[in-house]
Amino acid sequence: MIRNMNSIFMKHGRWLFALVTILIAVSFLGFLSPGFTGMFSGTRDPNSGAIGEAFGETITIEDIRAQNTRSMIIFSLIYKRPIGDRMLEQAASQNAFPAAIRLKAAKHLGIRISDEEVADFIGSEQTFQKDGKFDLELFDEYLEVQLKPLRLGPTDLDESVRDFLAQNALERLVVENIVTTPDEIDKFNQMFNQKIELTVANLKSEDFKKQVKISDDELEKYFKEHEAKYRIAERFNGLLAVFDFEPFQASDDKLKEYYETVKSEHLKDGKEQPFEAIKKELATEYNQKKSIEQTLRKGQMFASKAYEKSNAQPENERSKTFVELASKDKLRLTETGWFSADADKIGKLQEPALINEFREITGVITNAVPGKDAIYVGFLLNKEDSRQAQFAEVKEQVRKELTDQKALELARQKARDIVKKMAQAKDNVIEIAKKEPHFTIVPVYTMMAPPQIADSNYILQQAENLNSGGFSPAIDTPTGALVVVMLKRSAPSDKELEEKRSIAEYIFKQNKSNAASASFNAWLQANTKEFRRQ
């Protein structure tokens, strides 16, 4: 596999370094994300305790619980945070299933971690060191303060380290056999630092809209062909009971309690800050949080009471009951007027969550909804169901869609015309590009420092295969089309090659490592299943 990989990089090094970076980001991060492995087939027997399978071995709920605990212990050592820290708990939870898979893979490959390796790791861990040496008192303190409250002990620490080292050993196997030769690096350095001069016709549909002429007959025909997609969304009309946020002032004792729960989130230069240093910031944060909470509770109580009272009334009396209850509690009442379910505002009030409450309403009373400036409880006065749109109602929407469509096709046709003209020109391609007004010269660049321009991914992909005087086919983009013409490729000087060699070597080795990691993750995925619940 490694020999084949080396060969591929030799032949296609120009573009693989960019492609592989994307592949590794997608496959590796995606694979370690919660839910990613849900794509794998299988259905879990709810009585078996099995939630997955890796390399022919079952992964059980107990495996995941164990990995969750062991990940928390390791993360607490690595990141110097207490085991109960919320960020550690979340990271450990997300890591549990991928860790279980990696450990099955390590076992499959015969990786074993000895007691001596575990002892060496613990002995060199900074958490347990004083004056550069292992300190038994610090070790015992960690066991007493961090592990004992969770009914964990030295054995749990040992197994956490053993699992961690096994996973590290597995990852080292991925890259330890990768070979790079000086000749490979020299060729990559030359390719990576050659100077490239392009000119590009990047044709945008926006620039062709003025050329589009559409008659009313064309609009109506287009509407009839696509009539099903044009609908008028539900509309609502209602009242809002408004709860202004009530001020809240926390005592110093409460702020200190709050500080203990969030101090790990208020870091400066990677270190936790003393209480007094962030007291003002904490007070603002905590008082705002408590203000919203206490006002929301009042809104929820009002919504519950209004729901109960209005349900006991005839339909024509319910709005009156809502108004009376709001008046009794001295709440502001606001009329919404008619608004659409797909709107982003109710009048001047931009509260999408409130609109969503009206969309999902059962009965006539909404839940209490936290907004930017207040808590809202809504009452539904009237509702109009979604319906098929009439042509006159969506005529301008149809015009815009058809105009966009035709302008896009004009841009793409122009690109095809340019390519056809160049194909007929033979040796005069660069002269045609210079005269064609749609072309713009791209500043000279190297692959080490590619240009930051619109649609650069499309442009660079085409440029990779072009020699001087060559041109690309017409390439469709989401906003139009483009044509790339290679003006010149210039080899770097010997001095430039010498100056850039170290970074080229680093990037080349890194990309080979990434390619190996991508293959490794594909191997893990191919040997893994996560069972769906029945």
Protein backbone atom coordinates (compact mmCIF):
# COMPACT_ATOMS: atom_id res chain seq x y z
CA MET A 1 0.00 0.00 0.00
CA ILE A 2 2.83 2.38 0.95
CA ARG A 3 4.71 1.63 -2.31
CA ASN A 4 1.56 2.37 -4.32
CA MET A 5 1.05 5.57 -2.36
CA ASN A 6 4.62 6.69 -3.05
CA SER A 7 4.09 6.03 -6.76
CA ILE A 8 0.84 7.99 -6.82
CA PHE A 9 2.48 11.00 -5.17
CA MET A 10 5.29 10.93 -7.71
CA LYS A 11 2.85 11.01 -10.62
CA HIS A 12 0.18 13.33 -9.27
CA GLY A 13 1.90 15.39 -6.61
CA ARG A 14 0.72 18.66 -8.11
CA TRP A 15 -2.85 18.32 -7.00
CA LEU A 16 -2.88 15.50 -4.44
CA PHE A 17 -1.48 17.68 -1.66
CA ALA A 18 -4.63 19.84 -1.78
CA LEU A 19 -7.05 16.97 -2.30
CA VAL A 20 -5.64 14.84 0.49
CA THR A 21 -5.89 17.72 2.97
CA ILE A 22 -9.63 17.82 2.30
CA LEU A 23 -9.99 14.04 2.45
CA ILE A 24 -8.27 13.72 5.79
CA ALA A 25 -10.31 16.55 7.29
CA VAL A 26 -13.56 14.98 6.15
CA SER A 27 -12.80 11.35 6.86
CA PHE A 28 -10.86 11.71 10.11
CA LEU A 29 -12.90 14.45 11.81
CA GLY A 30 -16.13 13.06 10.43
CA PHE A 31 -15.34 9.56 11.63
CA LEU A 32 -14.66 10.81 15.14
CA SER A 33 -17.85 12.88 15.24
CA PRO A 34 -20.94 11.65 17.12
CA GLY A 35 -23.35 9.85 14.82
CA PHE A 36 -20.98 9.51 11.87
CA THR A 37 -20.86 5.74 12.07
CA GLY A 38 -24.64 5.64 11.97
CA MET A 39 -24.27 5.19 8.22
CA PHE A 40 -23.22 1.61 8.85
CA SER A 41 -25.87 -1.05 8.66
CA GLY A 42 -27.21 -3.21 11.44
CA THR A 43 -29.99 -3.20 14.01
CA ARG A 44 -29.37 -3.58 17.72
CA ASP A 45 -31.18 -6.09 19.85
CA PRO A 46 -32.25 -3.91 22.81
CA ASN A 47 -31.73 -6.82 25.21
CA SER A 48 -28.22 -7.73 24.08
CA GLY A 49 -26.39 -4.60 25.24
CA ALA A 50 -24.49 -4.51 21.92
CA ILE A 51 -24.35 -1.13 20.24
CA GLY A 52 -21.75 -1.87 17.60
CA GLU A 53 -19.11 -4.16 16.21
CA ALA A 54 -15.47 -3.65 15.25
CA PHE A 55 -13.17 -6.23 13.67
CA GLY A 56 -15.62 -9.00 14.45
CA GLU A 57 -15.91 -8.13 18.14
CA THR A 58 -18.99 -6.69 19.84
CA ILE A 59 -18.94 -3.19 21.32
CA THR A 60 -21.29 -3.07 24.30
CA ILE A 61 -22.80 -0.32 26.38
CA GLU A 62 -20.37 -1.31 29.12
CA ASP A 63 -17.45 -0.78 26.70
CA ILE A 64 -18.70 2.75 26.00
CA ARG A 65 -19.16 3.52 29.69
CA ALA A 66 -15.65 2.28 30.40
CA GLN A 67 -14.17 4.36 27.56
CA ASN A 68 -16.10 7.43 28.69
CA THR A 69 -14.58 7.12 32.17
CA ARG A 70 -11.08 6.35 30.89
CA SER A 71 -11.18 9.24 28.42
CA MET A 72 -12.16 11.61 31.25
CA ILE A 73 -9.19 10.42 33.32
CA ILE A 74 -6.72 10.83 30.45
CA PHE A 75 -8.16 14.21 29.40
CA SER A 76 -7.90 15.44 33.00
CA LEU A 77 -4.17 14.65 32.91
CA ILE A 78 -3.55 16.06 29.43
CA TYR A 79 -5.55 19.29 29.86
CA LYS A 80 -4.95 19.75 33.61
CA ARG A 81 -8.64 20.03 34.40
CA PRO A 82 -10.73 18.42 37.15
CA ILE A 83 -12.57 15.28 36.10
CA GLY A 84 -15.98 16.88 36.74
CA ASP A 85 -15.28 19.69 34.26
CA ARG A 86 -18.14 20.03 31.77
CA MET A 87 -15.86 20.41 28.76
CA LEU A 88 -14.01 17.21 29.71
CA GLU A 89 -17.26 15.31 30.16
CA GLN A 90 -18.47 16.37 26.72
CA ALA A 91 -15.15 15.54 25.04
CA ALA A 92 -15.01 12.15 26.77
CA SER A 93 -18.57 11.33 25.76
CA GLN A 94 -17.83 12.12 22.11
CA ASN A 95 -14.58 10.13 22.21
CA ALA A 96 -16.00 6.96 23.83
CA PHE A 97 -17.24 5.12 20.72
CA PRO A 98 -14.26 6.04 18.47
CA ALA A 99 -11.90 5.01 21.30
CA ALA A 100 -13.66 1.63 21.60
CA ILE A 101 -13.18 1.12 17.83
CA ARG A 102 -9.49 2.04 17.93
CA LEU A 103 -8.88 -0.35 20.82
CA LYS A 104 -10.55 -3.21 18.93
CA ALA A 105 -8.29 -2.35 15.97
CA ALA A 106 -5.22 -2.33 18.23
CA LYS A 107 -6.17 -5.74 19.60
CA HIS A 108 -6.77 -7.00 16.04
CA LEU A 109 -3.21 -5.95 15.12
CA GLY A 110 -1.73 -7.55 18.22
CA ILE A 111 -0.79 -4.33 20.01
CA ARG A 112 -0.22 -4.93 23.73
CA ILE A 113 0.90 -2.40 26.35
CA SER A 114 3.05 -3.74 29.16
CA ASP A 115 2.85 -2.82 32.86
CA GLU A 116 6.29 -1.22 32.52
CA GLU A 117 5.06 1.13 29.77
CA VAL A 118 2.09 2.14 31.93
CA ALA A 119 4.38 2.79 34.90
CA ASP A 120 6.78 4.84 32.74
CA PHE A 121 3.92 7.03 31.51
CA ILE A 122 2.58 7.65 35.01
CA GLY A 123 6.06 8.32 36.35
CA SER A 124 6.72 10.96 33.67
CA GLU A 125 3.28 12.61 33.85
CA GLN A 126 3.67 16.24 34.98
CA THR A 127 0.61 16.04 37.23
CA PHE A 128 2.54 13.66 39.48
CA GLN A 129 5.91 15.42 39.37
CA LYS A 130 7.63 17.80 41.77
CA ASP A 131 11.04 19.31 41.00
CA GLY A 132 11.20 17.12 37.89
CA LYS A 133 10.64 13.86 39.76
CA PHE A 134 7.69 11.57 40.45
CA ASP A 135 6.05 12.56 43.72
CA LEU A 136 4.02 9.92 45.54
CA GLU A 137 2.11 12.54 47.55
CA LEU A 138 0.88 14.25 44.37
CA PHE A 139 -0.08 10.86 42.98
CA ASP A 140 -2.04 9.97 46.14
CA GLU A 141 -3.65 13.42 46.14
CA TYR A 142 -4.90 12.87 42.58
CA LEU A 143 -6.36 9.51 43.54
CA GLU A 144 -8.04 11.00 46.62
CA VAL A 145 -9.39 14.23 45.09
CA GLN A 146 -10.13 13.24 41.51
CA LEU A 147 -10.83 9.50 41.44
CA LYS A 148 -12.11 8.48 44.86
CA PRO A 149 -15.27 10.72 44.77
CA LEU A 150 -16.26 8.84 41.58
CA ARG A 151 -15.51 5.47 43.20
CA LEU A 152 -12.46 5.04 40.99
CA GLY A 153 -8.97 3.99 41.99
CA PRO A 154 -5.43 3.15 40.83
CA THR A 155 -6.62 0.29 38.63
CA ASP A 156 -8.88 2.67 36.69
CA LEU A 157 -5.94 5.03 36.18
CA ASP A 158 -3.73 2.16 34.98
CA GLU A 159 -6.32 0.93 32.47
CA SER A 160 -6.96 4.48 31.22
CA VAL A 161 -3.24 4.91 30.52
CA ARG A 162 -3.00 1.45 28.95
CA ASP A 163 -5.86 2.24 26.54
CA PHE A 164 -4.35 5.63 25.73
CA LEU A 165 -0.94 4.14 24.95
CA ALA A 166 -2.54 1.40 22.82
CA GLN A 167 -4.31 4.02 20.72
CA ASN A 168 -1.08 6.00 20.36
CA ALA A 169 0.74 2.87 19.25
CA LEU A 170 -1.98 2.19 16.69
CA GLU A 171 -1.67 5.71 15.27
CA ARG A 172 2.14 5.38 15.04
CA LEU A 173 1.68 2.28 12.89
CA VAL A 174 -0.17 4.40 10.35
CA VAL A 175 2.84 6.52 9.44
CA GLU A 176 5.95 4.67 10.59
CA ASN A 177 6.48 2.93 7.21
CA ILE A 178 6.07 6.04 5.06
CA VAL A 179 9.21 6.66 3.02
CA THR A 180 10.24 9.88 1.31
CA THR A 181 13.36 10.14 -0.85
CA PRO A 182 15.46 13.27 -1.55
CA ASP A 183 14.55 12.98 -5.23
CA GLU A 184 10.82 13.03 -4.42
CA ILE A 185 11.25 16.09 -2.25
CA ASP A 186 13.31 17.91 -4.91
CA LYS A 187 10.65 17.29 -7.57
CA PHE A 188 7.88 18.38 -5.21
CA ASN A 189 9.88 21.51 -4.28
CA GLN A 190 10.25 22.45 -7.93
CA MET A 191 6.58 21.88 -8.65
CA PHE A 192 5.45 23.61 -5.46
CA ASN A 193 7.48 26.78 -6.09
CA GLN A 194 7.29 27.29 -9.83
CA LYS A 195 5.77 30.67 -10.74
CA ILE A 196 2.43 30.47 -12.52
CA GLU A 197 0.87 33.21 -14.64
CA LEU A 198 -2.80 32.82 -15.58
CA THR A 199 -5.57 34.78 -17.12
CA VAL A 200 -9.14 33.81 -16.32
CA ALA A 201 -12.52 34.59 -17.83
CA ASN A 202 -14.82 34.25 -14.81
CA LEU A 203 -18.27 34.81 -16.25
CA LYS A 204 -20.94 35.59 -13.65
CA SER A 205 -24.65 35.23 -14.32
CA GLU A 206 -25.19 38.54 -12.51
CA ASP A 207 -23.41 40.34 -15.36
CA PHE A 208 -25.77 38.89 -17.99
CA LYS A 209 -29.12 39.73 -16.36
CA LYS A 210 -29.53 42.93 -18.36
CA GLN A 211 -29.44 40.89 -21.55
CA VAL A 212 -32.38 38.75 -20.42
CA LYS A 213 -35.75 39.72 -21.89
CA ILE A 214 -38.82 37.78 -20.73
CA SER A 215 -42.39 38.27 -21.93
CA ASP A 216 -45.46 37.77 -19.73
CA ASP A 217 -46.36 34.72 -21.83
CA GLU A 218 -42.98 33.13 -21.02
CA LEU A 219 -43.49 33.89 -17.33
CA GLU A 220 -46.93 32.33 -17.28
CA LYS A 221 -45.71 29.27 -19.18
CA TYR A 222 -42.83 28.82 -16.73
CA PHE A 223 -45.23 29.22 -13.80
CA LYS A 224 -47.56 26.53 -15.15
CA GLU A 225 -44.64 24.13 -15.68
CA HIS A 226 -43.49 24.59 -12.08
CA GLU A 227 -46.79 25.50 -10.46
CA ALA A 228 -46.54 22.89 -7.69
CA LYS A 229 -43.57 24.58 -6.04
CA TYR A 230 -45.29 27.96 -5.71
CA ARG A 231 -47.33 28.05 -2.51
CA ILE A 232 -48.50 30.73 -0.15
CA ALA A 233 -47.34 29.84 3.34
CA GLU A 234 -49.62 29.66 6.36
CA ARG A 235 -50.54 33.03 7.84
CA PHE A 236 -51.28 33.91 11.44
CA ASN A 237 -52.85 36.79 13.33
CA GLY A 238 -52.50 37.00 17.07
CA LEU A 239 -51.84 38.80 20.33
CA LEU A 240 -48.65 38.83 22.37
CA ALA A 241 -48.41 39.13 26.13
CA VAL A 242 -45.01 40.70 26.78
CA PHE A 243 -42.95 40.03 29.92
CA ASP A 244 -40.12 42.55 30.25
CA PHE A 245 -37.01 41.09 31.86
CA GLU A 246 -36.96 41.70 35.59
CA PRO A 247 -33.67 42.93 37.07
CA PHE A 248 -31.67 40.50 39.19
CA GLN A 249 -28.79 41.26 41.55
CA ALA A 250 -26.72 38.33 42.81
CA SER A 251 -24.92 38.34 46.15
CA ASP A 252 -21.16 37.82 46.32
CA ASP A 253 -21.72 34.35 47.76
CA LYS A 254 -23.88 33.34 44.80
CA LEU A 255 -21.34 34.78 42.38
CA LYS A 256 -18.57 32.76 44.04
CA GLU A 257 -20.67 29.60 43.71
CA TYR A 258 -21.25 30.41 40.05
CA TYR A 259 -17.53 31.13 39.58
CA GLU A 260 -16.65 27.60 40.70
CA THR A 261 -18.86 26.12 37.96
CA VAL A 262 -17.63 28.31 35.08
CA LYS A 263 -14.06 29.34 35.93
CA SER A 264 -12.68 26.86 33.40
CA GLU A 265 -14.54 28.79 30.67
CA HIS A 266 -12.95 32.15 31.59
CA LEU A 267 -9.31 31.61 30.71
CA LYS A 268 -6.57 34.12 30.00
CA ASP A 269 -3.40 32.86 28.32
CA GLY A 270 -4.70 29.35 28.98
CA LYS A 271 -4.99 29.92 32.76
CA GLU A 272 -8.00 30.24 35.05
CA GLN A 273 -8.52 33.74 36.44
CA PRO A 274 -9.04 34.59 40.14
CA PHE A 275 -12.58 35.49 41.19
CA GLU A 276 -11.90 39.19 41.78
CA ALA A 277 -10.33 39.61 38.34
CA ILE A 278 -13.52 38.55 36.55
CA LYS A 279 -16.13 39.41 39.18
CA LYS A 280 -17.71 42.19 37.11
CA GLU A 281 -17.90 40.01 34.02
CA LEU A 282 -19.39 37.16 36.05
CA ALA A 283 -21.96 39.46 37.66
CA THR A 284 -23.19 40.66 34.26
CA GLU A 285 -23.33 37.11 32.92
CA TYR A 286 -24.99 35.58 35.98
CA ASN A 287 -27.50 38.39 36.59
CA GLN A 288 -28.61 38.29 32.96
CA LYS A 289 -28.98 34.52 33.10
CA LYS A 290 -31.04 34.62 36.30
CA SER A 291 -33.14 37.53 35.01
CA ILE A 292 -34.12 35.51 31.96
CA GLU A 293 -34.79 32.40 34.06
CA GLN A 294 -37.08 34.10 36.57
CA THR A 295 -38.97 36.01 33.87
CA LEU A 296 -39.33 32.84 31.80
CA ARG A 297 -40.82 31.01 34.80
CA LYS A 298 -43.46 33.73 35.10
CA GLY A 299 -44.17 33.49 31.39
CA GLN A 300 -44.54 29.71 31.62
CA MET A 301 -46.93 30.00 34.57
CA PHE A 302 -48.99 32.58 32.68
CA ALA A 303 -49.07 30.41 29.52
CA SER A 304 -50.24 27.41 31.57
CA LYS A 305 -52.94 29.43 33.31
CA ALA A 306 -54.10 31.06 30.06
CA TYR A 307 -54.25 27.64 28.35
CA GLU A 308 -56.35 26.19 31.16
CA LYS A 309 -58.72 29.17 31.42
CA SER A 310 -59.21 29.67 27.68
CA ASN A 311 -59.90 25.97 27.06
CA ALA A 312 -62.80 26.21 29.51
CA GLN A 313 -64.38 29.05 27.51
CA PRO A 314 -66.38 29.05 24.25
CA GLU A 315 -64.21 29.89 21.23
CA ASN A 316 -65.56 33.42 20.91
CA GLU A 317 -64.67 34.17 24.55
CA ARG A 318 -61.10 32.88 24.59
CA SER A 319 -59.35 36.01 23.38
CA LYS A 320 -61.26 38.05 25.97
CA THR A 321 -60.03 35.69 28.70
CA PHE A 322 -56.42 36.04 27.46
CA VAL A 323 -56.66 39.84 27.51
CA GLU A 324 -58.19 39.86 31.00
CA LEU A 325 -55.47 37.63 32.40
CA ALA A 326 -52.76 39.79 30.81
CA SER A 327 -54.35 42.96 32.18
CA LYS A 328 -54.61 41.42 35.64
CA ASP A 329 -50.86 40.67 35.59
CA LYS A 330 -50.18 44.18 34.19
CA LEU A 331 -48.58 42.84 31.02
CA ARG A 332 -48.10 44.71 27.79
CA LEU A 333 -50.32 43.43 24.97
CA THR A 334 -49.23 43.71 21.34
CA GLU A 335 -51.19 42.86 18.20
CA THR A 336 -49.10 40.89 15.70
CA GLY A 337 -51.16 41.67 12.61
CA TRP A 338 -51.06 39.07 9.85
CA PHE A 339 -47.66 37.43 9.33
CA SER A 340 -46.46 34.51 7.23
CA ALA A 341 -45.06 31.24 8.56
CA ASP A 342 -41.94 31.75 6.42
CA ALA A 343 -41.42 35.34 7.59
CA ASP A 344 -38.44 36.30 9.73
CA LYS A 345 -40.30 39.11 11.52
CA ILE A 346 -43.61 39.84 13.20
CA GLY A 347 -43.97 43.48 12.30
CA LYS A 348 -40.69 44.98 13.53
CA LEU A 349 -40.17 42.16 16.02
CA GLN A 350 -37.43 39.82 14.75
CA GLU A 351 -38.01 36.67 16.80
CA PRO A 352 -37.89 33.51 14.62
CA ALA A 353 -38.49 31.27 17.67
CA LEU A 354 -41.80 33.01 18.29
CA ILE A 355 -42.89 32.53 14.67
CA ASN A 356 -41.96 28.86 15.01
CA GLU A 357 -44.20 28.61 18.10
CA PHE A 358 -47.16 29.86 16.07
CA ARG A 359 -46.32 27.33 13.33
CA GLU A 360 -46.37 24.46 15.82
CA ILE A 361 -49.17 25.71 18.03
CA THR A 362 -51.78 23.28 19.39
CA GLY A 363 -54.84 25.16 20.55
CA VAL A 364 -54.58 28.92 20.73
CA ILE A 365 -51.84 29.57 23.35
CA THR A 366 -48.11 29.34 22.62
CA ASN A 367 -45.42 28.34 25.07
CA ALA A 368 -43.45 31.11 26.75
CA VAL A 369 -40.73 32.12 24.28
CA PRO A 370 -37.47 33.82 25.34
CA GLY A 371 -36.66 36.72 23.02
CA LYS A 372 -33.83 39.24 22.79
CA ASP A 373 -35.60 41.84 24.92
CA ALA A 374 -38.51 40.04 26.60
CA ILE A 375 -40.44 36.82 27.13
CA TYR A 376 -43.50 36.35 24.89
CA VAL A 377 -46.69 34.31 25.19
CA GLY A 378 -48.85 34.33 22.05
CA PHE A 379 -52.57 33.95 21.47
CA LEU A 380 -53.76 32.81 18.02
CA LEU A 381 -56.66 34.94 16.80
CA ASN A 382 -56.88 33.66 13.22
CA LYS A 383 -55.03 31.32 10.89
CA GLU A 384 -55.02 30.86 7.12
CA ASP A 385 -53.80 27.50 5.80
CA SER A 386 -51.07 27.14 3.19
CA ARG A 387 -52.48 27.11 -0.35
CA GLN A 388 -51.49 26.97 -3.99
CA ALA A 389 -50.33 30.38 -5.20
CA GLN A 390 -52.00 32.25 -8.03
CA PHE A 391 -49.77 33.52 -10.84
CA ALA A 392 -50.36 37.18 -9.98
CA GLU A 393 -49.28 36.60 -6.36
CA VAL A 394 -45.85 35.21 -7.29
CA LYS A 395 -45.27 36.83 -10.65
CA GLU A 396 -42.21 38.76 -9.50
CA GLN A 397 -40.76 35.70 -7.81
CA VAL A 398 -41.24 33.76 -11.05
CA ARG A 399 -39.63 36.60 -13.02
CA LYS A 400 -36.58 36.61 -10.74
CA GLU A 401 -36.14 32.82 -10.90
CA LEU A 402 -36.47 32.68 -14.67
CA THR A 403 -34.17 35.67 -15.13
CA ASP A 404 -31.53 34.04 -12.92
CA GLN A 405 -31.85 30.81 -14.86
CA LYS A 406 -31.51 32.47 -18.27
CA ALA A 407 -28.63 34.70 -17.13
CA LEU A 408 -26.77 31.64 -15.86
CA GLU A 409 -27.19 29.91 -19.21
CA LEU A 410 -25.99 33.04 -21.07
CA ALA A 411 -22.83 33.14 -18.93
CA ARG A 412 -22.15 29.45 -19.57
CA GLN A 413 -22.84 29.75 -23.29
CA LYS A 414 -20.41 32.68 -23.49
CA ALA A 415 -17.74 30.53 -21.85
CA ARG A 416 -18.37 27.75 -24.38
CA ASP A 417 -18.13 30.28 -27.24
CA ILE A 418 -14.76 31.50 -25.95
CA VAL A 419 -13.41 27.95 -25.76
CA LYS A 420 -14.64 27.23 -29.29
CA LYS A 421 -12.92 30.35 -30.57
CA MET A 422 -9.64 29.36 -28.89
CA ALA A 423 -9.85 25.82 -30.22
CA GLN A 424 -10.00 27.23 -33.73
CA ALA A 425 -7.16 29.71 -33.10
CA LYS A 426 -4.45 27.07 -32.56
CA ASP A 427 -1.29 29.05 -31.67
CA ASN A 428 -2.98 32.41 -30.99
CA VAL A 429 -4.75 31.49 -27.73
CA ILE A 430 -2.90 33.99 -25.53
CA GLU A 431 -3.53 36.82 -28.03
CA ILE A 432 -7.26 36.02 -28.04
CA ALA A 433 -7.31 36.01 -24.24
CA LYS A 434 -5.61 39.43 -24.13
CA LYS A 435 -8.25 40.90 -26.48
CA GLU A 436 -11.26 39.21 -24.88
CA PRO A 437 -12.75 41.70 -22.33
CA HIS A 438 -13.94 38.98 -19.96
CA PHE A 439 -10.39 37.85 -19.14
CA THR A 440 -8.51 39.12 -16.09
CA ILE A 441 -4.87 38.36 -15.32
CA VAL A 442 -4.30 36.56 -12.03
CA PRO A 443 -1.30 37.87 -10.05
CA VAL A 444 1.73 35.59 -10.37
CA TYR A 445 1.61 32.88 -7.72
CA THR A 446 3.13 29.60 -6.60
CA MET A 447 1.36 26.58 -5.16
CA MET A 448 2.96 27.47 -1.84
CA ALA A 449 1.03 30.74 -1.90
CA PRO A 450 -2.04 30.23 -4.13
CA PRO A 451 -4.15 33.26 -5.04
CA GLN A 452 -7.04 34.30 -2.80
CA ILE A 453 -9.60 35.01 -5.52
CA ALA A 454 -13.17 34.04 -6.31
CA ASP A 455 -13.62 30.41 -7.41
CA SER A 456 -9.93 29.73 -6.81
CA ASN A 457 -10.63 26.02 -6.23
CA TYR A 458 -12.01 25.67 -9.79
CA ILE A 459 -9.24 27.81 -11.26
CA LEU A 460 -6.34 26.00 -9.57
CA GLN A 461 -7.73 22.60 -10.46
CA GLN A 462 -7.77 23.52 -14.14
CA ALA A 463 -4.37 25.23 -14.03
CA GLU A 464 -2.69 22.06 -12.77
CA ASN A 465 -3.03 20.37 -16.16
CA LEU A 466 -2.15 23.31 -18.41
CA ASN A 467 1.13 24.10 -20.12
CA SER A 468 2.04 27.57 -21.40
CA GLY A 469 -0.51 28.67 -24.02
CA GLY A 470 -2.96 25.98 -22.96
CA PHE A 471 -6.58 26.62 -22.04
CA SER A 472 -9.21 24.77 -20.06
CA PRO A 473 -12.69 23.69 -21.16
CA ALA A 474 -15.61 25.84 -20.07
CA ILE A 475 -16.06 24.99 -16.38
CA ASP A 476 -19.47 25.52 -14.83
CA THR A 477 -19.51 27.17 -11.41
CA PRO A 478 -22.50 27.79 -9.12
CA THR A 479 -22.63 31.41 -10.30
CA GLY A 480 -21.69 31.01 -13.96
CA ALA A 481 -18.68 29.55 -15.77
CA LEU A 482 -14.98 30.15 -16.24
CA VAL A 483 -12.17 29.54 -18.71
CA VAL A 484 -8.51 29.39 -17.64
CA VAL A 485 -5.57 30.20 -19.93
CA MET A 486 -1.99 29.44 -18.86
CA LEU A 487 0.22 32.37 -19.82
CA LYS A 488 3.51 31.09 -18.45
CA ARG A 489 5.16 28.63 -16.05
CA SER A 490 8.57 29.70 -14.70
CA ALA A 491 10.93 27.37 -12.85
CA PRO A 492 12.18 28.63 -9.47
CA SER A 493 15.84 29.64 -9.19
CA ASP A 494 18.35 27.46 -7.37
CA LYS A 495 18.40 30.02 -4.55
CA GLU A 496 14.61 29.91 -4.19
CA LEU A 497 14.65 26.12 -4.20
CA GLU A 498 17.22 26.08 -1.42
CA GLU A 499 15.27 28.62 0.63
CA LYS A 500 11.97 26.75 0.25
CA ARG A 501 13.22 23.17 0.50
CA SER A 502 12.63 22.70 4.21
CA ILE A 503 9.00 23.80 4.10
CA ALA A 504 8.39 21.80 0.89
CA GLU A 505 9.84 18.74 2.63
CA TYR A 506 7.59 19.29 5.64
CA ILE A 507 4.45 19.68 3.49
CA PHE A 508 5.30 16.68 1.32
CA LYS A 509 5.83 14.44 4.35
CA GLN A 510 2.71 15.80 6.02
CA ASN A 511 0.61 15.04 2.97
CA LYS A 512 1.93 11.51 2.76
CA SER A 513 1.08 11.14 6.42
CA ASN A 514 -2.40 12.50 5.77
CA ALA A 515 -2.89 10.09 2.90
CA ALA A 516 -1.91 7.20 5.15
CA SER A 517 -4.29 8.45 7.84
CA ALA A 518 -7.12 8.66 5.31
CA SER A 519 -6.46 5.05 4.28
CA PHE A 520 -6.33 4.05 7.95
CA ASN A 521 -9.71 5.66 8.67
CA ALA A 522 -11.21 3.99 5.63
CA TRP A 523 -9.93 0.68 7.03
CA LEU A 524 -11.53 1.43 10.41
CA GLN A 525 -14.83 2.33 8.79
CA ALA A 526 -14.84 -0.79 6.62
CA ASN A 527 -14.48 -2.95 9.74
CA THR A 528 -16.99 -1.11 11.94
CA LYS A 529 -20.73 -1.19 12.45
CA GLU A 530 -22.92 0.87 14.75
CA PHE A 531 -26.28 -0.79 15.36
CA ARG A 532 -29.47 1.19 15.06
CA ARG A 533 -32.01 0.83 17.81
CA GLN A 534 -35.12 -1.13 16.91
